[in-house]
Amino acid sequence: MKEQNFKNHAKWVIGYHLVTFIAILALIIGSIRSLINSSEENLYSASLLVLVSFILFFMFYFLRTFALKAQDRAIRAEEKLRYFILTGKSLSNKITTRQIVGLRFAPDEEFPALVEKAEKENLSEKEIKMQIKNWKADTYRA
């Protein structure tokens, strides 16, 4: 595995992000076309197919959202503990979860100073990541 950095740290799973999305999109389009062209006899089953396709689409979206939210909570707890271990102080409540998610890539040597800078300058997650000099990989993010 090549070394992780700002340019390559995003994780895309082809089977999930691309294949599943395209399959659900094709199902939505096909089921809507089927509903439009349905006769009186198969209107009910065509309607159910449209409903099922939208249920799958929402499941696709929410499964990813819920998993990322749970990971963000874990990252927030880990980074708050790391900040306390490194500085002996609690992490400011002014630091947002998005900022903390960006800070997780900072090594211990850069972390406290970057936290202070992120708070003072209200840096975005992307701006924080761009400021990191020695990237600390996070290979467990889903």
N, C-alpha and C. Protein backbone atom coordinates (compact mmCIF):
# COMPACT_ATOMS: atom_id res chain seq x y z
N MET A 1 0.85 -1.19 0.00
CA MET A 1 0.00 0.00 0.00
C MET A 1 0.89 1.24 0.00
N LYS A 2 0.59 2.18 -0.89
CA LYS A 2 1.43 3.37 -0.93
C LYS A 2 1.11 4.29 0.24
N GLU A 3 2.06 5.15 0.55
CA GLU A 3 1.94 6.04 1.70
C GLU A 3 0.75 6.98 1.54
N GLN A 4 -0.02 7.13 2.61
CA GLN A 4 -1.21 7.97 2.57
C GLN A 4 -0.81 9.44 2.72
N ASN A 5 -1.49 10.31 1.98
CA ASN A 5 -1.26 11.75 2.09
C ASN A 5 -2.56 12.47 1.77
N PHE A 6 -2.52 13.79 1.72
CA PHE A 6 -3.73 14.58 1.47
C PHE A 6 -4.40 14.21 0.14
N LYS A 7 -3.60 13.98 -0.89
CA LYS A 7 -4.15 13.73 -2.21
C LYS A 7 -4.79 12.36 -2.38
N ASN A 8 -4.36 11.37 -1.58
CA ASN A 8 -4.88 10.02 -1.79
C ASN A 8 -5.58 9.42 -0.56
N HIS A 9 -5.94 10.23 0.42
CA HIS A 9 -6.49 9.67 1.66
C HIS A 9 -7.97 9.31 1.58
N ALA A 10 -8.69 9.87 0.62
CA ALA A 10 -10.12 9.54 0.49
C ALA A 10 -10.25 8.10 0.04
N LYS A 11 -11.22 7.40 0.60
CA LYS A 11 -11.39 5.99 0.28
C LYS A 11 -12.67 5.79 -0.52
N TRP A 12 -12.51 5.23 -1.71
CA TRP A 12 -13.65 4.90 -2.57
C TRP A 12 -13.67 3.40 -2.77
N VAL A 13 -14.79 2.80 -2.44
CA VAL A 13 -14.98 1.37 -2.66
C VAL A 13 -15.83 1.24 -3.92
N ILE A 14 -15.21 0.77 -4.98
CA ILE A 14 -15.86 0.73 -6.29
C ILE A 14 -17.19 -0.04 -6.23
N GLY A 15 -17.20 -1.18 -5.54
CA GLY A 15 -18.41 -1.98 -5.45
C GLY A 15 -19.56 -1.26 -4.77
N TYR A 16 -19.25 -0.42 -3.80
CA TYR A 16 -20.29 0.31 -3.08
C TYR A 16 -20.58 1.65 -3.76
N HIS A 17 -19.56 2.50 -3.86
CA HIS A 17 -19.77 3.86 -4.34
C HIS A 17 -20.17 3.95 -5.80
N LEU A 18 -19.74 3.02 -6.61
CA LEU A 18 -20.02 3.13 -8.04
C LEU A 18 -21.03 2.07 -8.51
N VAL A 19 -20.68 0.79 -8.34
CA VAL A 19 -21.52 -0.28 -8.88
C VAL A 19 -22.91 -0.28 -8.23
N THR A 20 -22.95 -0.23 -6.90
CA THR A 20 -24.24 -0.26 -6.22
C THR A 20 -25.06 0.98 -6.55
N PHE A 21 -24.42 2.14 -6.58
CA PHE A 21 -25.14 3.37 -6.91
C PHE A 21 -25.73 3.30 -8.31
N ILE A 22 -24.93 2.87 -9.27
CA ILE A 22 -25.43 2.78 -10.66
C ILE A 22 -26.55 1.75 -10.76
N ALA A 23 -26.41 0.64 -10.06
CA ALA A 23 -27.46 -0.40 -10.10
C ALA A 23 -28.78 0.13 -9.52
N ILE A 24 -28.70 0.84 -8.41
CA ILE A 24 -29.91 1.41 -7.81
C ILE A 24 -30.51 2.48 -8.71
N LEU A 25 -29.66 3.29 -9.29
CA LEU A 25 -30.14 4.32 -10.22
C LEU A 25 -30.83 3.68 -11.43
N ALA A 26 -30.25 2.62 -11.97
CA ALA A 26 -30.87 1.91 -13.09
C ALA A 26 -32.21 1.32 -12.68
N LEU A 27 -32.27 0.79 -11.46
CA LEU A 27 -33.53 0.23 -10.95
C LEU A 27 -34.60 1.31 -10.82
N ILE A 28 -34.22 2.48 -10.32
CA ILE A 28 -35.18 3.59 -10.19
C ILE A 28 -35.70 4.00 -11.56
N ILE A 29 -34.79 4.20 -12.49
CA ILE A 29 -35.20 4.63 -13.84
C ILE A 29 -36.07 3.57 -14.50
N GLY A 30 -35.64 2.32 -14.42
CA GLY A 30 -36.41 1.23 -15.04
C GLY A 30 -37.77 1.05 -14.41
N SER A 31 -37.84 1.17 -13.08
CA SER A 31 -39.13 0.98 -12.41
C SER A 31 -40.09 2.13 -12.71
N ILE A 32 -39.56 3.33 -12.83
CA ILE A 32 -40.42 4.48 -13.19
C ILE A 32 -40.94 4.31 -14.62
N ARG A 33 -40.05 3.90 -15.54
CA ARG A 33 -40.50 3.65 -16.92
C ARG A 33 -41.57 2.56 -16.97
N SER A 34 -41.36 1.52 -16.15
CA SER A 34 -42.33 0.43 -16.08
C SER A 34 -43.67 0.92 -15.54
N LEU A 35 -43.62 1.80 -14.54
CA LEU A 35 -44.85 2.35 -13.97
C LEU A 35 -45.60 3.21 -15.00
N ILE A 36 -44.84 4.02 -15.73
CA ILE A 36 -45.45 4.89 -16.75
C ILE A 36 -46.12 4.07 -17.85
N ASN A 37 -45.48 2.97 -18.23
CA ASN A 37 -45.99 2.14 -19.33
C ASN A 37 -46.89 0.99 -18.86
N SER A 38 -47.19 0.96 -17.57
CA SER A 38 -47.97 -0.17 -17.05
C SER A 38 -49.46 -0.05 -17.42
N SER A 39 -50.05 -1.21 -17.49
CA SER A 39 -51.49 -1.26 -17.74
C SER A 39 -52.21 -1.31 -16.39
N GLU A 40 -53.50 -1.27 -16.46
CA GLU A 40 -54.33 -1.32 -15.24
C GLU A 40 -54.03 -2.58 -14.42
N GLU A 41 -53.77 -3.71 -15.10
CA GLU A 41 -53.56 -4.98 -14.41
C GLU A 41 -52.26 -5.03 -13.61
N ASN A 42 -51.22 -4.38 -14.09
CA ASN A 42 -49.94 -4.46 -13.37
C ASN A 42 -49.51 -3.13 -12.75
N LEU A 43 -50.44 -2.21 -12.59
CA LEU A 43 -50.14 -0.91 -11.98
C LEU A 43 -49.66 -1.06 -10.54
N TYR A 44 -50.30 -1.95 -9.81
CA TYR A 44 -49.93 -2.15 -8.40
C TYR A 44 -48.50 -2.69 -8.27
N SER A 45 -48.16 -3.71 -9.03
CA SER A 45 -46.81 -4.29 -8.93
C SER A 45 -45.76 -3.31 -9.45
N ALA A 46 -46.07 -2.54 -10.47
CA ALA A 46 -45.14 -1.52 -10.96
C ALA A 46 -44.92 -0.43 -9.91
N SER A 47 -45.98 -0.07 -9.20
CA SER A 47 -45.87 0.92 -8.12
C SER A 47 -44.98 0.39 -6.99
N LEU A 48 -45.17 -0.88 -6.66
CA LEU A 48 -44.34 -1.48 -5.60
C LEU A 48 -42.87 -1.51 -6.00
N LEU A 49 -42.61 -1.76 -7.26
CA LEU A 49 -41.22 -1.78 -7.74
C LEU A 49 -40.58 -0.39 -7.60
N VAL A 50 -41.32 0.65 -7.91
CA VAL A 50 -40.82 2.01 -7.73
C VAL A 50 -40.54 2.26 -6.25
N LEU A 51 -41.47 1.85 -5.39
CA LEU A 51 -41.29 2.02 -3.95
C LEU A 51 -40.04 1.28 -3.46
N VAL A 52 -39.86 0.05 -3.88
CA VAL A 52 -38.70 -0.74 -3.47
C VAL A 52 -37.40 -0.08 -3.95
N SER A 53 -37.41 0.43 -5.16
CA SER A 53 -36.19 1.07 -5.67
C SER A 53 -35.83 2.32 -4.86
N PHE A 54 -36.83 3.09 -4.46
CA PHE A 54 -36.53 4.27 -3.63
C PHE A 54 -36.12 3.87 -2.21
N ILE A 55 -36.68 2.81 -1.69
CA ILE A 55 -36.25 2.30 -0.38
C ILE A 55 -34.78 1.90 -0.44
N LEU A 56 -34.39 1.21 -1.51
CA LEU A 56 -32.98 0.82 -1.67
C LEU A 56 -32.07 2.04 -1.78
N PHE A 57 -32.53 3.06 -2.51
CA PHE A 57 -31.74 4.27 -2.63
C PHE A 57 -31.53 4.94 -1.27
N PHE A 58 -32.58 5.06 -0.48
CA PHE A 58 -32.45 5.67 0.84
C PHE A 58 -31.59 4.81 1.77
N MET A 59 -31.71 3.50 1.66
CA MET A 59 -30.85 2.62 2.45
C MET A 59 -29.38 2.82 2.08
N PHE A 60 -29.12 2.89 0.78
CA PHE A 60 -27.76 3.14 0.29
C PHE A 60 -27.19 4.41 0.92
N TYR A 61 -27.97 5.47 0.93
CA TYR A 61 -27.53 6.75 1.50
C TYR A 61 -27.35 6.68 3.01
N PHE A 62 -28.37 6.18 3.71
CA PHE A 62 -28.32 6.20 5.17
C PHE A 62 -27.33 5.20 5.75
N LEU A 63 -27.10 4.08 5.11
CA LEU A 63 -26.10 3.14 5.60
C LEU A 63 -24.73 3.81 5.66
N ARG A 64 -24.41 4.55 4.63
CA ARG A 64 -23.12 5.27 4.59
C ARG A 64 -23.10 6.40 5.62
N THR A 65 -24.17 7.16 5.69
CA THR A 65 -24.24 8.29 6.62
C THR A 65 -24.12 7.84 8.07
N PHE A 66 -24.85 6.78 8.43
CA PHE A 66 -24.81 6.31 9.81
C PHE A 66 -23.43 5.77 10.17
N ALA A 67 -22.80 5.05 9.26
CA ALA A 67 -21.46 4.51 9.52
C ALA A 67 -20.45 5.64 9.73
N LEU A 68 -20.52 6.66 8.88
CA LEU A 68 -19.59 7.78 9.01
C LEU A 68 -19.84 8.57 10.29
N LYS A 69 -21.10 8.71 10.68
CA LYS A 69 -21.42 9.43 11.92
C LYS A 69 -20.84 8.69 13.13
N ALA A 70 -20.98 7.36 13.13
CA ALA A 70 -20.42 6.56 14.23
C ALA A 70 -18.90 6.68 14.25
N GLN A 71 -18.27 6.66 13.08
CA GLN A 71 -16.82 6.81 13.04
C GLN A 71 -16.40 8.20 13.49
N ASP A 72 -17.15 9.22 13.12
CA ASP A 72 -16.82 10.57 13.56
C ASP A 72 -16.87 10.69 15.08
N ARG A 73 -17.83 10.02 15.71
CA ARG A 73 -17.92 10.03 17.17
C ARG A 73 -16.69 9.36 17.78
N ALA A 74 -16.28 8.24 17.20
CA ALA A 74 -15.10 7.54 17.70
C ALA A 74 -13.85 8.39 17.51
N ILE A 75 -13.71 9.01 16.34
CA ILE A 75 -12.56 9.88 16.07
C ILE A 75 -12.53 11.04 17.05
N ARG A 76 -13.69 11.63 17.30
CA ARG A 76 -13.77 12.76 18.25
C ARG A 76 -13.28 12.33 19.63
N ALA A 77 -13.72 11.17 20.11
CA ALA A 77 -13.29 10.68 21.42
C ALA A 77 -11.79 10.39 21.44
N GLU A 78 -11.29 9.75 20.39
CA GLU A 78 -9.86 9.42 20.32
C GLU A 78 -8.99 10.67 20.30
N GLU A 79 -9.38 11.65 19.50
CA GLU A 79 -8.56 12.85 19.37
C GLU A 79 -8.64 13.74 20.62
N LYS A 80 -9.79 13.74 21.29
CA LYS A 80 -9.89 14.48 22.56
C LYS A 80 -8.96 13.84 23.60
N LEU A 81 -8.93 12.52 23.64
CA LEU A 81 -8.02 11.83 24.56
C LEU A 81 -6.57 12.10 24.19
N ARG A 82 -6.26 12.04 22.91
CA ARG A 82 -4.89 12.30 22.46
C ARG A 82 -4.45 13.71 22.83
N TYR A 83 -5.33 14.69 22.64
CA TYR A 83 -5.01 16.07 23.00
C TYR A 83 -4.75 16.19 24.50
N PHE A 84 -5.59 15.52 25.30
CA PHE A 84 -5.41 15.57 26.74
C PHE A 84 -4.08 14.92 27.15
N ILE A 85 -3.74 13.80 26.54
CA ILE A 85 -2.48 13.12 26.86
C ILE A 85 -1.28 13.99 26.49
N LEU A 86 -1.36 14.66 25.35
CA LEU A 86 -0.25 15.47 24.87
C LEU A 86 -0.10 16.80 25.61
N THR A 87 -1.22 17.38 26.05
CA THR A 87 -1.17 18.73 26.64
C THR A 87 -1.58 18.80 28.10
N GLY A 88 -2.32 17.80 28.56
CA GLY A 88 -2.84 17.85 29.93
C GLY A 88 -4.07 18.73 30.05
N LYS A 89 -4.59 19.22 28.91
CA LYS A 89 -5.77 20.08 28.90
C LYS A 89 -6.87 19.44 28.08
N SER A 90 -8.10 19.87 28.36
CA SER A 90 -9.23 19.40 27.56
C SER A 90 -9.26 20.15 26.24
N LEU A 91 -9.74 19.47 25.23
CA LEU A 91 -9.90 20.09 23.92
C LEU A 91 -11.05 21.09 23.98
N SER A 92 -10.85 22.24 23.40
CA SER A 92 -11.85 23.31 23.40
C SER A 92 -13.15 22.85 22.75
N ASN A 93 -14.25 23.31 23.28
CA ASN A 93 -15.56 23.02 22.68
C ASN A 93 -15.79 23.81 21.40
N LYS A 94 -14.90 24.77 21.12
CA LYS A 94 -15.02 25.56 19.89
C LYS A 94 -14.55 24.78 18.66
N ILE A 95 -13.78 23.72 18.88
CA ILE A 95 -13.33 22.88 17.77
C ILE A 95 -14.49 22.00 17.33
N THR A 96 -14.82 22.03 16.06
CA THR A 96 -15.95 21.26 15.55
C THR A 96 -15.54 19.82 15.24
N THR A 97 -16.53 18.98 15.10
CA THR A 97 -16.25 17.58 14.75
C THR A 97 -15.54 17.49 13.41
N ARG A 98 -15.94 18.29 12.44
CA ARG A 98 -15.28 18.27 11.13
C ARG A 98 -13.80 18.65 11.27
N GLN A 99 -13.49 19.63 12.12
CA GLN A 99 -12.10 20.01 12.33
C GLN A 99 -11.33 18.86 12.98
N ILE A 100 -11.95 18.19 13.95
CA ILE A 100 -11.29 17.07 14.63
C ILE A 100 -11.04 15.94 13.65
N VAL A 101 -11.98 15.69 12.75
CA VAL A 101 -11.80 14.65 11.74
C VAL A 101 -10.58 14.98 10.87
N GLY A 102 -10.38 16.23 10.55
CA GLY A 102 -9.19 16.64 9.79
C GLY A 102 -7.92 16.55 10.60
N LEU A 103 -8.01 16.85 11.88
CA LEU A 103 -6.83 16.83 12.76
C LEU A 103 -6.28 15.44 13.01
N ARG A 104 -7.09 14.40 12.80
CA ARG A 104 -6.63 13.04 13.11
C ARG A 104 -5.43 12.63 12.29
N PHE A 105 -5.18 13.31 11.17
CA PHE A 105 -4.04 12.97 10.32
C PHE A 105 -2.73 13.64 10.78
N ALA A 106 -2.82 14.54 11.76
CA ALA A 106 -1.63 15.24 12.24
C ALA A 106 -0.86 14.35 13.22
N PRO A 107 0.46 14.27 13.08
CA PRO A 107 1.24 13.50 14.04
C PRO A 107 1.28 14.23 15.39
N ASP A 108 1.66 13.51 16.43
CA ASP A 108 1.68 14.09 17.78
C ASP A 108 2.48 15.38 17.86
N GLU A 109 3.58 15.48 17.10
CA GLU A 109 4.43 16.68 17.15
C GLU A 109 3.71 17.92 16.62
N GLU A 110 2.84 17.75 15.66
CA GLU A 110 2.14 18.88 15.04
C GLU A 110 0.75 19.11 15.63
N PHE A 111 0.21 18.11 16.29
CA PHE A 111 -1.19 18.11 16.70
C PHE A 111 -1.58 19.30 17.60
N PRO A 112 -0.93 19.52 18.76
CA PRO A 112 -1.39 20.61 19.64
C PRO A 112 -1.36 21.99 18.97
N ALA A 113 -0.29 22.28 18.24
CA ALA A 113 -0.19 23.59 17.58
C ALA A 113 -1.25 23.73 16.49
N LEU A 114 -1.53 22.66 15.79
CA LEU A 114 -2.54 22.71 14.74
C LEU A 114 -3.94 22.86 15.33
N VAL A 115 -4.18 22.27 16.49
CA VAL A 115 -5.46 22.45 17.17
C VAL A 115 -5.67 23.92 17.50
N GLU A 116 -4.64 24.54 18.08
CA GLU A 116 -4.73 25.96 18.44
C GLU A 116 -4.96 26.84 17.20
N LYS A 117 -4.23 26.53 16.13
CA LYS A 117 -4.39 27.30 14.89
C LYS A 117 -5.78 27.10 14.30
N ALA A 118 -6.27 25.88 14.32
CA ALA A 118 -7.61 25.59 13.78
C ALA A 118 -8.67 26.35 14.56
N GLU A 119 -8.51 26.44 15.87
CA GLU A 119 -9.48 27.16 16.70
C GLU A 119 -9.41 28.66 16.45
N LYS A 120 -8.20 29.22 16.44
CA LYS A 120 -8.03 30.67 16.27
C LYS A 120 -8.46 31.14 14.88
N GLU A 121 -8.09 30.39 13.84
CA GLU A 121 -8.34 30.81 12.47
C GLU A 121 -9.59 30.17 11.88
N ASN A 122 -10.28 29.36 12.67
CA ASN A 122 -11.49 28.66 12.23
C ASN A 122 -11.25 27.93 10.89
N LEU A 123 -10.17 27.13 10.85
CA LEU A 123 -9.81 26.41 9.64
C LEU A 123 -10.83 25.32 9.34
N SER A 124 -11.06 25.08 8.08
CA SER A 124 -11.95 23.99 7.66
C SER A 124 -11.18 22.67 7.74
N GLU A 125 -11.91 21.57 7.61
CA GLU A 125 -11.28 20.24 7.62
C GLU A 125 -10.21 20.15 6.53
N LYS A 126 -10.55 20.62 5.34
CA LYS A 126 -9.61 20.57 4.22
C LYS A 126 -8.39 21.44 4.49
N GLU A 127 -8.60 22.65 5.02
CA GLU A 127 -7.47 23.54 5.32
C GLU A 127 -6.55 22.93 6.37
N ILE A 128 -7.13 22.26 7.35
CA ILE A 128 -6.32 21.60 8.38
C ILE A 128 -5.47 20.51 7.74
N LYS A 129 -6.08 19.68 6.91
CA LYS A 129 -5.35 18.59 6.26
C LYS A 129 -4.21 19.14 5.41
N MET A 130 -4.43 20.26 4.74
CA MET A 130 -3.40 20.83 3.87
C MET A 130 -2.23 21.40 4.69
N GLN A 131 -2.45 21.73 5.95
CA GLN A 131 -1.39 22.30 6.79
C GLN A 131 -0.47 21.23 7.40
N ILE A 132 -0.88 19.98 7.35
CA ILE A 132 -0.11 18.90 7.97
C ILE A 132 1.15 18.64 7.15
N LYS A 133 2.28 18.62 7.83
CA LYS A 133 3.56 18.41 7.15
C LYS A 133 3.92 16.94 7.06
N ASN A 134 3.77 16.19 8.15
CA ASN A 134 4.10 14.77 8.19
C ASN A 134 2.82 13.98 8.43
N TRP A 135 2.21 13.55 7.35
CA TRP A 135 0.89 12.91 7.38
C TRP A 135 0.91 11.63 8.21
N LYS A 136 -0.06 11.50 9.12
CA LYS A 136 -0.25 10.27 9.90
C LYS A 136 -1.44 9.54 9.27
N ALA A 137 -1.17 8.39 8.68
CA ALA A 137 -2.21 7.66 7.94
C ALA A 137 -3.32 7.17 8.85
N ASP A 138 -4.54 7.15 8.32
CA ASP A 138 -5.70 6.55 8.98
C ASP A 138 -6.25 5.53 7.99
N THR A 139 -5.84 4.27 8.15
CA THR A 139 -6.23 3.24 7.20
C THR A 139 -7.48 2.48 7.65
N TYR A 140 -8.07 2.84 8.78
CA TYR A 140 -9.23 2.14 9.29
C TYR A 140 -10.55 2.82 8.97
N ARG A 141 -10.52 3.98 8.36
CA ARG A 141 -11.75 4.70 8.02
C ARG A 141 -12.50 3.96 6.95
N ALA A 142 -13.79 3.81 7.14
CA ALA A 142 -14.61 3.09 6.15
C ALA A 142 -15.13 4.04 5.09
